[in-house]
Amino acid sequence: MSITKQARQFRLRACTRCSGDAYVDFSDYEPEWRCLQCGRTVQPEAPVSLSSRDEGRLAA
């Protein structure tokens, strides 16, 4: 029996219903994001990439 270890992933305030935190649920056939508070399936936004100009402004 092969056991694979999955990395735990969370998104804070990702739920559009209750503003709860979401986690990746690997129990079904394909991974999906679920809210910790209300259990709703969540489609989190794509991570925002910062341009080099924005990174310099945030570092100051």
PDB file of N, CA and C in Angstrom:
ATOM      1  N   MET A   1       0.834  -1.166   0.000  1.00  0.00           N
ATOM      2  CA  MET A   1       0.000   0.000   0.000  1.00  0.00           C
ATOM      3  C   MET A   1       0.886   1.238   0.000  1.00  0.00           C
ATOM      4  N   SER A   2       0.621   2.121  -0.914  1.00  0.00           N
ATOM      5  CA  SER A   2       1.414   3.345  -1.028  1.00  0.00           C
ATOM      6  C   SER A   2       0.649   4.523  -0.433  1.00  0.00           C
ATOM      7  N   ILE A   3       1.281   5.215   0.477  1.00  0.00           N
ATOM      8  CA  ILE A   3       0.665   6.382   1.094  1.00  0.00           C
ATOM      9  C   ILE A   3       1.434   7.609   0.623  1.00  0.00           C
ATOM     10  N   THR A   4       0.728   8.527  -0.007  1.00  0.00           N
ATOM     11  CA  THR A   4       1.362   9.770  -0.432  1.00  0.00           C
ATOM     12  C   THR A   4       0.993  10.872   0.534  1.00  0.00           C
ATOM     13  N   LYS A   5       1.950  11.695   0.832  1.00  0.00           N
ATOM     14  CA  LYS A   5       1.732  12.785   1.760  1.00  0.00           C
ATOM     15  C   LYS A   5       1.353  14.033   0.960  1.00  0.00           C
ATOM     16  N   GLN A   6       0.236  14.648   1.294  1.00  0.00           N
ATOM     17  CA  GLN A   6      -0.228  15.841   0.607  1.00  0.00           C
ATOM     18  C   GLN A   6       0.124  17.071   1.441  1.00  0.00           C
ATOM     19  N   ALA A   7       0.557  18.120   0.765  1.00  0.00           N
ATOM     20  CA  ALA A   7       0.855  19.371   1.451  1.00  0.00           C
ATOM     21  C   ALA A   7      -0.454  20.052   1.836  1.00  0.00           C
ATOM     22  N   ARG A   8      -0.533  20.554   3.031  1.00  0.00           N
ATOM     23  CA  ARG A   8      -1.727  21.266   3.471  1.00  0.00           C
ATOM     24  C   ARG A   8      -1.689  22.683   2.923  1.00  0.00           C
ATOM     25  N   GLN A   9      -2.779  23.065   2.310  1.00  0.00           N
ATOM     26  CA  GLN A   9      -2.853  24.403   1.736  1.00  0.00           C
ATOM     27  C   GLN A   9      -4.099  25.102   2.267  1.00  0.00           C
ATOM     28  N   PHE A  10      -3.951  26.379   2.602  1.00  0.00           N
ATOM     29  CA  PHE A  10      -5.045  27.173   3.128  1.00  0.00           C
ATOM     30  C   PHE A  10      -5.106  28.512   2.403  1.00  0.00           C
ATOM     31  N   ARG A  11      -6.298  29.050   2.292  1.00  0.00           N
ATOM     32  CA  ARG A  11      -6.521  30.409   1.800  1.00  0.00           C
ATOM     33  C   ARG A  11      -7.372  31.118   2.845  1.00  0.00           C
ATOM     34  N   LEU A  12      -6.876  32.225   3.357  1.00  0.00           N
ATOM     35  CA  LEU A  12      -7.599  32.964   4.383  1.00  0.00           C
ATOM     36  C   LEU A  12      -8.711  33.792   3.763  1.00  0.00           C
ATOM     37  N   ARG A  13      -9.880  33.792   4.397  1.00  0.00           N
ATOM     38  CA  ARG A  13     -11.060  34.565   3.990  1.00  0.00           C
ATOM     39  C   ARG A  13     -11.423  34.328   2.524  1.00  0.00           C
ATOM     40  N   ALA A  14     -11.413  33.085   2.086  1.00  0.00           N
ATOM     41  CA  ALA A  14     -11.668  32.750   0.685  1.00  0.00           C
ATOM     42  C   ALA A  14     -13.132  32.461   0.381  1.00  0.00           C
ATOM     43  N   CYS A  15     -13.946  32.178   1.385  1.00  0.00           N
ATOM     44  CA  CYS A  15     -15.339  31.816   1.157  1.00  0.00           C
ATOM     45  C   CYS A  15     -16.172  33.068   0.872  1.00  0.00           C
ATOM     46  N   THR A  16     -16.955  33.009  -0.211  1.00  0.00           N
ATOM     47  CA  THR A  16     -17.794  34.154  -0.557  1.00  0.00           C
ATOM     48  C   THR A  16     -19.072  34.194   0.272  1.00  0.00           C
ATOM     49  N   ARG A  17     -19.435  33.095   0.897  1.00  0.00           N
ATOM     50  CA  ARG A  17     -20.661  33.073   1.714  1.00  0.00           C
ATOM     51  C   ARG A  17     -20.407  33.615   3.119  1.00  0.00           C
ATOM     52  N   CYS A  18     -19.405  33.072   3.805  1.00  0.00           N
ATOM     53  CA  CYS A  18     -19.194  33.433   5.211  1.00  0.00           C
ATOM     54  C   CYS A  18     -17.843  34.098   5.477  1.00  0.00           C
ATOM     55  N   SER A  19     -17.047  34.304   4.438  1.00  0.00           N
ATOM     56  CA  SER A  19     -15.687  34.877   4.563  1.00  0.00           C
ATOM     57  C   SER A  19     -14.781  34.002   5.416  1.00  0.00           C
ATOM     58  N   GLY A  20     -15.042  32.701   5.408  1.00  0.00           N
ATOM     59  CA  GLY A  20     -14.224  31.764   6.172  1.00  0.00           C
ATOM     60  C   GLY A  20     -12.971  31.355   5.412  1.00  0.00           C
ATOM     61  N   ASP A  21     -12.124  30.605   6.081  1.00  0.00           N
ATOM     62  CA  ASP A  21     -10.879  30.134   5.502  1.00  0.00           C
ATOM     63  C   ASP A  21     -11.116  28.841   4.732  1.00  0.00           C
ATOM     64  N   ALA A  22     -10.391  28.646   3.632  1.00  0.00           N
ATOM     65  CA  ALA A  22     -10.565  27.468   2.791  1.00  0.00           C
ATOM     66  C   ALA A  22      -9.325  26.581   2.860  1.00  0.00           C
ATOM     67  N   TYR A  23      -9.539  25.287   2.657  1.00  0.00           N
ATOM     68  CA  TYR A  23      -8.443  24.319   2.619  1.00  0.00           C
ATOM     69  C   TYR A  23      -8.660  23.393   1.430  1.00  0.00           C
ATOM     70  N   VAL A  24      -7.615  22.701   1.008  1.00  0.00           N
ATOM     71  CA  VAL A  24      -7.734  21.757  -0.094  1.00  0.00           C
ATOM     72  C   VAL A  24      -8.169  20.414   0.467  1.00  0.00           C
ATOM     73  N   ASP A  25      -9.291  19.899  -0.039  1.00  0.00           N
ATOM     74  CA  ASP A  25      -9.840  18.615   0.379  1.00  0.00           C
ATOM     75  C   ASP A  25      -9.442  17.571  -0.651  1.00  0.00           C
ATOM     76  N   PHE A  26      -8.624  16.593  -0.253  1.00  0.00           N
ATOM     77  CA  PHE A  26      -8.138  15.548  -1.148  1.00  0.00           C
ATOM     78  C   PHE A  26      -8.942  14.259  -1.028  1.00  0.00           C
ATOM     79  N   SER A  27     -10.085  14.273  -0.344  1.00  0.00           N
ATOM     80  CA  SER A  27     -10.813  13.038  -0.086  1.00  0.00           C
ATOM     81  C   SER A  27     -11.607  12.525  -1.284  1.00  0.00           C
ATOM     82  N   ASP A  28     -11.997  13.387  -2.216  1.00  0.00           N
ATOM     83  CA  ASP A  28     -12.759  12.960  -3.385  1.00  0.00           C
ATOM     84  C   ASP A  28     -11.814  12.594  -4.521  1.00  0.00           C
ATOM     85  N   TYR A  29     -12.373  12.431  -5.710  1.00  0.00           N
ATOM     86  CA  TYR A  29     -11.580  12.022  -6.864  1.00  0.00           C
ATOM     87  C   TYR A  29     -10.539  13.055  -7.265  1.00  0.00           C
ATOM     88  N   GLU A  30     -10.897  14.326  -7.190  1.00  0.00           N
ATOM     89  CA  GLU A  30      -9.924  15.367  -7.502  1.00  0.00           C
ATOM     90  C   GLU A  30      -9.938  16.396  -6.382  1.00  0.00           C
ATOM     91  N   PRO A  31      -8.822  17.031  -6.108  1.00  0.00           N
ATOM     92  CA  PRO A  31      -8.772  17.994  -5.002  1.00  0.00           C
ATOM     93  C   PRO A  31      -9.700  19.184  -5.261  1.00  0.00           C
ATOM     94  N   GLU A  32     -10.326  19.670  -4.189  1.00  0.00           N
ATOM     95  CA  GLU A  32     -11.160  20.857  -4.298  1.00  0.00           C
ATOM     96  C   GLU A  32     -11.035  21.681  -3.020  1.00  0.00           C
ATOM     97  N   TRP A  33     -11.285  22.962  -3.141  1.00  0.00           N
ATOM     98  CA  TRP A  33     -11.213  23.865  -2.003  1.00  0.00           C
ATOM     99  C   TRP A  33     -12.535  23.832  -1.255  1.00  0.00           C
ATOM    100  N   ARG A  34     -12.467  23.735   0.073  1.00  0.00           N
ATOM    101  CA  ARG A  34     -13.662  23.739   0.920  1.00  0.00           C
ATOM    102  C   ARG A  34     -13.461  24.742   2.053  1.00  0.00           C
ATOM    103  N   CYS A  35     -14.569  25.363   2.454  1.00  0.00           N
ATOM    104  CA  CYS A  35     -14.533  26.315   3.568  1.00  0.00           C
ATOM    105  C   CYS A  35     -14.488  25.547   4.886  1.00  0.00           C
ATOM    106  N   LEU A  36     -13.645  25.980   5.796  1.00  0.00           N
ATOM    107  CA  LEU A  36     -13.544  25.342   7.113  1.00  0.00           C
ATOM    108  C   LEU A  36     -14.780  25.616   7.967  1.00  0.00           C
ATOM    109  N   GLN A  37     -15.377  26.799   7.817  1.00  0.00           N
ATOM    110  CA  GLN A  37     -16.471  27.195   8.680  1.00  0.00           C
ATOM    111  C   GLN A  37     -17.830  26.632   8.214  1.00  0.00           C
ATOM    112  N   CYS A  38     -18.157  26.770   6.913  1.00  0.00           N
ATOM    113  CA  CYS A  38     -19.492  26.368   6.454  1.00  0.00           C
ATOM    114  C   CYS A  38     -19.483  25.136   5.546  1.00  0.00           C
ATOM    115  N   GLY A  39     -18.321  24.665   5.079  1.00  0.00           N
ATOM    116  CA  GLY A  39     -18.230  23.462   4.272  1.00  0.00           C
ATOM    117  C   GLY A  39     -18.510  23.646   2.794  1.00  0.00           C
ATOM    118  N   ARG A  40     -18.750  24.865   2.367  1.00  0.00           N
ATOM    119  CA  ARG A  40     -19.060  25.140   0.964  1.00  0.00           C
ATOM    120  C   ARG A  40     -17.835  24.915   0.081  1.00  0.00           C
ATOM    121  N   THR A  41     -18.062  24.419  -1.150  1.00  0.00           N
ATOM    122  CA  THR A  41     -16.977  24.304  -2.121  1.00  0.00           C
ATOM    123  C   THR A  41     -16.649  25.701  -2.616  1.00  0.00           C
ATOM    124  N   VAL A  42     -15.367  26.050  -2.605  1.00  0.00           N
ATOM    125  CA  VAL A  42     -14.925  27.410  -2.902  1.00  0.00           C
ATOM    126  C   VAL A  42     -14.033  27.407  -4.127  1.00  0.00           C
ATOM    127  N   GLN A  43     -14.150  28.415  -4.964  1.00  0.00           N
ATOM    128  CA  GLN A  43     -13.245  28.638  -6.084  1.00  0.00           C
ATOM    129  C   GLN A  43     -12.389  29.857  -5.736  1.00  0.00           C
ATOM    130  N   PRO A  44     -11.225  29.652  -5.110  1.00  0.00           N
ATOM    131  CA  PRO A  44     -10.409  30.795  -4.705  1.00  0.00           C
ATOM    132  C   PRO A  44      -9.831  31.514  -5.908  1.00  0.00           C
ATOM    133  N   GLU A  45      -9.568  32.791  -5.707  1.00  0.00           N
ATOM    134  CA  GLU A  45      -8.960  33.588  -6.766  1.00  0.00           C
ATOM    135  C   GLU A  45      -7.537  33.117  -7.015  1.00  0.00           C
ATOM    136  N   ALA A  46      -7.065  33.345  -8.233  1.00  0.00           N
ATOM    137  CA  ALA A  46      -5.686  33.000  -8.578  1.00  0.00           C
ATOM    138  C   ALA A  46      -4.738  33.899  -7.786  1.00  0.00           C
ATOM    139  N   PRO A  47      -3.586  33.377  -7.405  1.00  0.00           N
ATOM    140  CA  PRO A  47      -2.625  34.200  -6.683  1.00  0.00           C
ATOM    141  C   PRO A  47      -2.212  35.402  -7.519  1.00  0.00           C
ATOM    142  N   VAL A  48      -2.067  36.528  -6.856  1.00  0.00           N
ATOM    143  CA  VAL A  48      -1.699  37.758  -7.539  1.00  0.00           C
ATOM    144  C   VAL A  48      -0.188  37.843  -7.606  1.00  0.00           C
ATOM    145  N   SER A  49       0.347  38.069  -8.799  1.00  0.00           N
ATOM    146  CA  SER A  49       1.798  38.222  -8.928  1.00  0.00           C
ATOM    147  C   SER A  49       2.121  39.707  -8.966  1.00  0.00           C
ATOM    148  N   LEU A  50       3.152  40.073  -8.253  1.00  0.00           N
ATOM    149  CA  LEU A  50       3.568  41.472  -8.197  1.00  0.00           C
ATOM    150  C   LEU A  50       4.629  41.743  -9.240  1.00  0.00           C
ATOM    151  N   SER A  51       4.536  42.885  -9.871  1.00  0.00           N
ATOM    152  CA  SER A  51       5.582  43.276 -10.808  1.00  0.00           C
ATOM    153  C   SER A  51       6.787  43.758 -10.006  1.00  0.00           C
ATOM    154  N   SER A  52       7.932  43.890 -10.653  1.00  0.00           N
ATOM    155  CA  SER A  52       9.140  44.332  -9.955  1.00  0.00           C
ATOM    156  C   SER A  52       8.957  45.742  -9.403  1.00  0.00           C
ATOM    157  N   ARG A  53       8.161  46.571 -10.083  1.00  0.00           N
ATOM    158  CA  ARG A  53       7.916  47.931  -9.597  1.00  0.00           C
ATOM    159  C   ARG A  53       7.137  47.885  -8.286  1.00  0.00           C
ATOM    160  N   ASP A  54       6.120  47.016  -8.200  1.00  0.00           N
ATOM    161  CA  ASP A  54       5.322  46.900  -6.989  1.00  0.00           C
ATOM    162  C   ASP A  54       6.113  46.305  -5.840  1.00  0.00           C
ATOM    163  N   GLU A  55       6.975  45.330  -6.132  1.00  0.00           N
ATOM    164  CA  GLU A  55       7.791  44.708  -5.086  1.00  0.00           C
ATOM    165  C   GLU A  55       8.717  45.730  -4.439  1.00  0.00           C
ATOM    166  N   GLY A  56       9.295  46.624  -5.256  1.00  0.00           N
ATOM    167  CA  GLY A  56      10.172  47.659  -4.715  1.00  0.00           C
ATOM    168  C   GLY A  56       9.422  48.627  -3.831  1.00  0.00           C
ATOM    169  N   ARG A  57       8.191  48.938  -4.199  1.00  0.00           N
ATOM    170  CA  ARG A  57       7.377  49.868  -3.401  1.00  0.00           C
ATOM    171  C   ARG A  57       6.991  49.240  -2.082  1.00  0.00           C
ATOM    172  N   LEU A  58       6.691  47.927  -2.066  1.00  0.00           N
ATOM    173  CA  LEU A  58       6.318  47.265  -0.840  1.00  0.00           C
ATOM    174  C   LEU A  58       7.498  47.065   0.095  1.00  0.00           C
ATOM    175  N   ALA A  59       8.693  46.928  -0.451  1.00  0.00           N
ATOM    176  CA  ALA A  59       9.881  46.701   0.377  1.00  0.00           C
ATOM    177  C   ALA A  59      10.312  47.969   1.107  1.00  0.00           C
ATOM    178  N   ALA A  60       9.944  49.123   0.615  1.00  0.00           N
ATOM    179  CA  ALA A  60      10.370  50.395   1.231  1.00  0.00           C
ATOM    180  C   ALA A  60       9.649  50.706   2.499  1.00  0.00           C
TER     181      ALA A  60
END
